[in-house]
Amino acid sequence: DGTSMATPHVAGVVALMKAANKALLPNQVKQILMGTASPLQPNGNNELGAGLINAQKAVEASLRVQQRPPLQQNRN
């Protein structure tokens, strides 16, 4: 219960997100997780955090993030 139970769930969703889009940066992962969470309180009060994690929405949002261009190698 609590963070001890939530942590492996969030880690699993992050793994699914990274499998869908390997180019995701840590700040993008955080934004997606928070932005796709279902609110726990109907009045919008976030004292319990961003809300209930939504794996499907998080993975779908991960697919919409632009891929980073590959680094160009200097060929001298």
Protein backbone atom coordinates (compact mmCIF):
# COMPACT_ATOMS: atom_id res chain seq x y z
CA ASP A 1 0.00 0.00 0.00
CA GLY A 2 1.18 3.58 -0.49
CA THR A 3 4.42 4.41 -2.26
CA SER A 4 5.76 0.89 -1.74
CA MET A 5 2.97 -0.42 -3.94
CA ALA A 6 2.87 2.51 -6.37
CA THR A 7 6.57 2.46 -7.24
CA PRO A 8 6.63 -0.87 -9.14
CA HIS A 9 3.46 0.11 -11.00
CA VAL A 10 4.97 3.41 -12.14
CA ALA A 11 8.25 1.70 -13.06
CA GLY A 12 6.33 -0.79 -15.18
CA VAL A 13 4.46 1.96 -17.01
CA VAL A 14 7.73 3.84 -17.62
CA ALA A 15 9.19 0.64 -19.10
CA LEU A 16 6.20 0.39 -21.46
CA MET A 17 6.62 4.05 -22.40
CA LYS A 18 10.33 3.60 -23.15
CA ALA A 19 9.57 0.46 -25.19
CA ALA A 20 7.15 2.54 -27.26
CA ASN A 21 9.58 5.47 -27.65
CA LYS A 22 13.21 4.91 -26.72
CA ALA A 23 14.01 8.59 -27.26
CA LEU A 24 11.93 9.82 -24.31
CA LEU A 25 13.84 12.03 -21.90
CA PRO A 26 13.26 11.87 -18.13
CA ASN A 27 11.43 15.21 -18.05
CA GLN A 28 9.16 14.03 -20.88
CA VAL A 29 8.34 10.84 -18.99
CA LYS A 30 7.41 12.87 -15.91
CA GLN A 31 5.26 15.29 -17.92
CA ILE A 32 3.44 12.45 -19.67
CA LEU A 33 2.81 10.52 -16.45
CA MET A 34 1.43 13.58 -14.70
CA GLY A 35 -0.53 14.79 -17.73
CA THR A 36 -2.25 11.47 -18.39
CA ALA A 37 -3.11 10.61 -14.78
CA SER A 38 -6.76 10.44 -13.78
CA PRO A 39 -7.51 12.94 -10.99
CA LEU A 40 -8.29 11.38 -7.62
CA GLN A 41 -10.24 14.35 -6.37
CA PRO A 42 -13.08 15.81 -8.43
CA ASN A 43 -12.39 19.40 -7.33
CA GLY A 44 -8.94 19.38 -8.96
CA ASN A 45 -7.12 19.58 -5.63
CA ASN A 46 -3.78 17.81 -6.19
CA GLU A 47 -2.72 17.35 -2.58
CA LEU A 48 -2.40 13.60 -3.28
CA GLY A 49 -0.27 14.08 -6.39
CA ALA A 50 -1.15 14.05 -10.08
CA GLY A 51 -3.69 11.25 -9.71
CA LEU A 52 -4.11 7.61 -10.66
CA ILE A 53 -1.63 6.39 -13.26
CA ASN A 54 -3.15 5.53 -16.64
CA ALA A 55 -0.85 3.15 -18.52
CA GLN A 56 -2.76 3.20 -21.81
CA LYS A 57 -2.88 6.99 -22.04
CA ALA A 58 0.78 7.28 -21.00
CA VAL A 59 1.97 4.85 -23.68
CA GLU A 60 -0.22 6.48 -26.34
CA ALA A 61 1.17 9.91 -25.40
CA SER A 62 4.71 8.50 -25.57
CA LEU A 63 4.14 7.53 -29.18
CA ARG A 64 3.25 11.12 -30.05
CA VAL A 65 6.50 12.62 -28.70
CA GLN A 66 8.88 13.61 -31.47
CA GLN A 67 11.97 11.48 -31.83
CA ARG A 68 15.28 13.25 -31.26
CA PRO A 69 17.38 13.58 -34.42
CA PRO A 70 20.43 11.30 -34.43
CA LEU A 71 23.73 12.87 -33.45
CA GLN A 72 25.84 13.75 -36.45
CA GLN A 73 29.27 12.21 -36.39
CA ASN A 74 32.25 14.32 -37.29
CA ARG A 75 34.07 12.50 -40.09
CA ASN A 76 37.47 14.17 -40.25
